[in-house]
């Protein structure tokens, strides 16, 4: 099981459109959007490295995506749920923001502290 935290930069006017396309990809969860800056944070869950790479390439190919950067990666042999997924989300989600509802109320991370504003 692989979990990847991915920061996606997009053309700002297309942020919501791209976020919907991202959310439609298998194993991808949109955790934060900043439409003014054209930034989207996603967590991708994949069964193996090949599926992870294929998913990452699919993200890069969505119209409107300027770049996608791997920010965090978790690799494990067992399916990961619960505490491990919460740890990934905690590192990726903003402390505040309009998309906090997308993460089920878990609004915490160091996304802005890393200069990814």
C-alpha atoms as a PDB file:
ATOM      1  CA  UNK A   1       0.000   0.000   0.000  1.00  0.00           C
ATOM      2  CA  UNK A   2       1.380   3.382  -1.012  1.00  0.00           C
ATOM      3  CA  UNK A   3       0.110   6.760   0.137  1.00  0.00           C
ATOM      4  CA  UNK A   4       1.372   9.865  -1.619  1.00  0.00           C
ATOM      5  CA  UNK A   5       0.808  13.483  -0.653  1.00  0.00           C
ATOM      6  CA  UNK A   6       0.874  15.530  -3.844  1.00  0.00           C
ATOM      7  CA  UNK A   7       0.853  19.312  -4.250  1.00  0.00           C
ATOM      8  CA  UNK A   8      -0.760  20.218  -7.567  1.00  0.00           C
ATOM      9  CA  UNK A   9      -0.329  23.655  -9.134  1.00  0.00           C
ATOM     10  CA  UNK A  10      -2.982  24.613 -11.668  1.00  0.00           C
ATOM     11  CA  UNK A  11      -4.137  27.559 -13.743  1.00  0.00           C
ATOM     12  CA  UNK A  12      -6.025  29.457 -11.028  1.00  0.00           C
ATOM     13  CA  UNK A  13      -9.289  29.899 -12.976  1.00  0.00           C
ATOM     14  CA  UNK A  14      -9.430  26.119 -13.473  1.00  0.00           C
ATOM     15  CA  UNK A  15      -8.901  25.120  -9.838  1.00  0.00           C
ATOM     16  CA  UNK A  16     -12.393  23.755  -9.194  1.00  0.00           C
ATOM     17  CA  UNK A  17     -12.564  21.986 -12.572  1.00  0.00           C
ATOM     18  CA  UNK A  18      -9.196  20.342 -12.000  1.00  0.00           C
ATOM     19  CA  UNK A  19     -10.146  19.413  -8.418  1.00  0.00           C
ATOM     20  CA  UNK A  20     -13.240  17.595  -9.718  1.00  0.00           C
ATOM     21  CA  UNK A  21     -11.120  15.749 -12.301  1.00  0.00           C
ATOM     22  CA  UNK A  22      -8.601  14.808  -9.602  1.00  0.00           C
ATOM     23  CA  UNK A  23     -11.320  13.534  -7.269  1.00  0.00           C
ATOM     24  CA  UNK A  24     -12.643  11.343 -10.090  1.00  0.00           C
ATOM     25  CA  UNK A  25      -9.320   9.478 -10.372  1.00  0.00           C
ATOM     26  CA  UNK A  26      -9.151   6.103  -8.596  1.00  0.00           C
ATOM     27  CA  UNK A  27      -7.554   6.357  -5.159  1.00  0.00           C
ATOM     28  CA  UNK A  28      -7.278  10.162  -5.179  1.00  0.00           C
ATOM     29  CA  UNK A  29      -8.756  12.337  -2.423  1.00  0.00           C
ATOM     30  CA  UNK A  30      -8.706  16.137  -2.674  1.00  0.00           C
ATOM     31  CA  UNK A  31      -7.872  17.493   0.771  1.00  0.00           C
ATOM     32  CA  UNK A  32      -7.390  21.212   0.094  1.00  0.00           C
ATOM     33  CA  UNK A  33      -7.979  23.791  -2.636  1.00  0.00           C
ATOM     34  CA  UNK A  34      -6.743  27.370  -2.883  1.00  0.00           C
ATOM     35  CA  UNK A  35      -8.456  28.774  -5.958  1.00  0.00           C
ATOM     36  CA  UNK A  36      -6.828  32.198  -5.674  1.00  0.00           C
ATOM     37  CA  UNK A  37      -3.369  30.654  -5.948  1.00  0.00           C
ATOM     38  CA  UNK A  38      -4.243  27.649  -8.088  1.00  0.00           C
ATOM     39  CA  UNK A  39      -3.068  25.088  -5.523  1.00  0.00           C
ATOM     40  CA  UNK A  40      -4.619  21.734  -4.746  1.00  0.00           C
ATOM     41  CA  UNK A  41      -3.437  19.119  -2.254  1.00  0.00           C
ATOM     42  CA  UNK A  42      -4.336  15.492  -2.843  1.00  0.00           C
ATOM     43  CA  UNK A  43      -3.640  12.164  -1.196  1.00  0.00           C
ATOM     44  CA  UNK A  44      -3.262   9.270  -3.606  1.00  0.00           C
ATOM     45  CA  UNK A  45      -3.657   5.701  -2.372  1.00  0.00           C
ATOM     46  CA  UNK A  46      -2.290   2.914  -4.578  1.00  0.00           C
ATOM     47  CA  UNK A  47      -1.771  -0.818  -4.195  1.00  0.00           C
ATOM     48  CA  UNK A  48       1.795  -0.832  -5.524  1.00  0.00           C
ATOM     49  CA  UNK A  49       4.490   1.363  -7.037  1.00  0.00           C
ATOM     50  CA  UNK A  50       3.318   0.770 -10.623  1.00  0.00           C
ATOM     51  CA  UNK A  51      -0.209   1.927  -9.758  1.00  0.00           C
ATOM     52  CA  UNK A  52       1.216   4.899  -7.864  1.00  0.00           C
ATOM     53  CA  UNK A  53       3.297   5.992 -10.864  1.00  0.00           C
ATOM     54  CA  UNK A  54       0.344   5.534 -13.215  1.00  0.00           C
ATOM     55  CA  UNK A  55      -1.839   7.649 -10.927  1.00  0.00           C
ATOM     56  CA  UNK A  56       0.808  10.356 -10.675  1.00  0.00           C
ATOM     57  CA  UNK A  57       1.092  10.492 -14.470  1.00  0.00           C
ATOM     58  CA  UNK A  58      -2.699  10.689 -14.757  1.00  0.00           C
ATOM     59  CA  UNK A  59      -2.638  13.699 -12.409  1.00  0.00           C
ATOM     60  CA  UNK A  60       0.048  15.388 -14.505  1.00  0.00           C
ATOM     61  CA  UNK A  61      -2.002  14.867 -17.691  1.00  0.00           C
ATOM     62  CA  UNK A  62      -5.182  16.574 -16.486  1.00  0.00           C
ATOM     63  CA  UNK A  63      -5.785  19.736 -18.543  1.00  0.00           C
ATOM     64  CA  UNK A  64      -5.005  22.801 -16.441  1.00  0.00           C
ATOM     65  CA  UNK A  65      -2.351  21.096 -14.283  1.00  0.00           C
ATOM     66  CA  UNK A  66       0.873  23.102 -14.418  1.00  0.00           C
ATOM     67  CA  UNK A  67       2.867  20.719 -12.219  1.00  0.00           C
ATOM     68  CA  UNK A  68       2.420  18.025  -9.589  1.00  0.00           C
ATOM     69  CA  UNK A  69       5.007  17.541  -6.850  1.00  0.00           C
ATOM     70  CA  UNK A  70       5.351  14.580  -4.520  1.00  0.00           C
ATOM     71  CA  UNK A  71       5.488  16.101  -1.030  1.00  0.00           C
ATOM     72  CA  UNK A  72       5.050  13.027   1.162  1.00  0.00           C
ATOM     73  CA  UNK A  73       5.214   9.289   0.581  1.00  0.00           C
ATOM     74  CA  UNK A  74       4.299   6.350   2.795  1.00  0.00           C
ATOM     75  CA  UNK A  75       5.169   2.843   1.690  1.00  0.00           C
ATOM     76  CA  UNK A  76       3.857  -0.146   3.586  1.00  0.00           C
ATOM     77  CA  UNK A  77       3.124  -3.792   3.016  1.00  0.00           C
ATOM     78  CA  UNK A  78      -0.288  -3.775   4.673  1.00  0.00           C
ATOM     79  CA  UNK A  79      -3.362  -1.789   3.683  1.00  0.00           C
ATOM     80  CA  UNK A  80      -3.162   1.521   5.539  1.00  0.00           C
ATOM     81  CA  UNK A  81      -6.168   3.092   7.209  1.00  0.00           C
ATOM     82  CA  UNK A  82      -6.943   4.966  10.358  1.00  0.00           C
ATOM     83  CA  UNK A  83      -3.965   6.407  12.211  1.00  0.00           C
ATOM     84  CA  UNK A  84      -1.504   6.176   9.301  1.00  0.00           C
ATOM     85  CA  UNK A  85      -3.869   7.924   6.878  1.00  0.00           C
ATOM     86  CA  UNK A  86      -4.627  10.570   9.515  1.00  0.00           C
ATOM     87  CA  UNK A  87      -0.866  11.149   9.846  1.00  0.00           C
ATOM     88  CA  UNK A  88      -0.530  11.721   6.084  1.00  0.00           C
ATOM     89  CA  UNK A  89      -3.518  14.067   6.049  1.00  0.00           C
ATOM     90  CA  UNK A  90      -2.201  15.950   9.080  1.00  0.00           C
ATOM     91  CA  UNK A  91       0.987  16.714   7.193  1.00  0.00           C
ATOM     92  CA  UNK A  92      -0.819  17.878   4.076  1.00  0.00           C
ATOM     93  CA  UNK A  93      -3.941  19.733   5.138  1.00  0.00           C
ATOM     94  CA  UNK A  94      -3.948  23.447   5.857  1.00  0.00           C
ATOM     95  CA  UNK A  95      -4.527  24.799   9.327  1.00  0.00           C
ATOM     96  CA  UNK A  96      -7.480  26.744   7.982  1.00  0.00           C
ATOM     97  CA  UNK A  97      -9.108  27.190   4.623  1.00  0.00           C
ATOM     98  CA  UNK A  98     -12.276  26.963   2.628  1.00  0.00           C
ATOM     99  CA  UNK A  99     -11.764  23.295   1.771  1.00  0.00           C
ATOM    100  CA  UNK A 100     -11.377  22.070   5.355  1.00  0.00           C
ATOM    101  CA  UNK A 101     -14.764  20.378   4.933  1.00  0.00           C
ATOM    102  CA  UNK A 102     -13.243  18.092   2.257  1.00  0.00           C
ATOM    103  CA  UNK A 103     -11.089  16.414   4.884  1.00  0.00           C
ATOM    104  CA  UNK A 104     -13.867  15.566   7.296  1.00  0.00           C
ATOM    105  CA  UNK A 105     -12.956  18.372   9.662  1.00  0.00           C
ATOM    106  CA  UNK A 106      -9.292  17.431  10.059  1.00  0.00           C
ATOM    107  CA  UNK A 107      -7.677  20.803   9.374  1.00  0.00           C
ATOM    108  CA  UNK A 108      -4.043  20.733  10.317  1.00  0.00           C
ATOM    109  CA  UNK A 109      -0.615  20.639   8.588  1.00  0.00           C
ATOM    110  CA  UNK A 110       2.495  22.454   7.634  1.00  0.00           C
ATOM    111  CA  UNK A 111       1.613  23.053   3.952  1.00  0.00           C
ATOM    112  CA  UNK A 112       1.937  26.842   4.307  1.00  0.00           C
ATOM    113  CA  UNK A 113       4.929  26.572   6.632  1.00  0.00           C
ATOM    114  CA  UNK A 114       6.869  24.906   3.822  1.00  0.00           C
ATOM    115  CA  UNK A 115       6.526  28.021   1.683  1.00  0.00           C
ATOM    116  CA  UNK A 116       3.937  26.455  -0.602  1.00  0.00           C
ATOM    117  CA  UNK A 117       1.642  29.429  -0.281  1.00  0.00           C
END
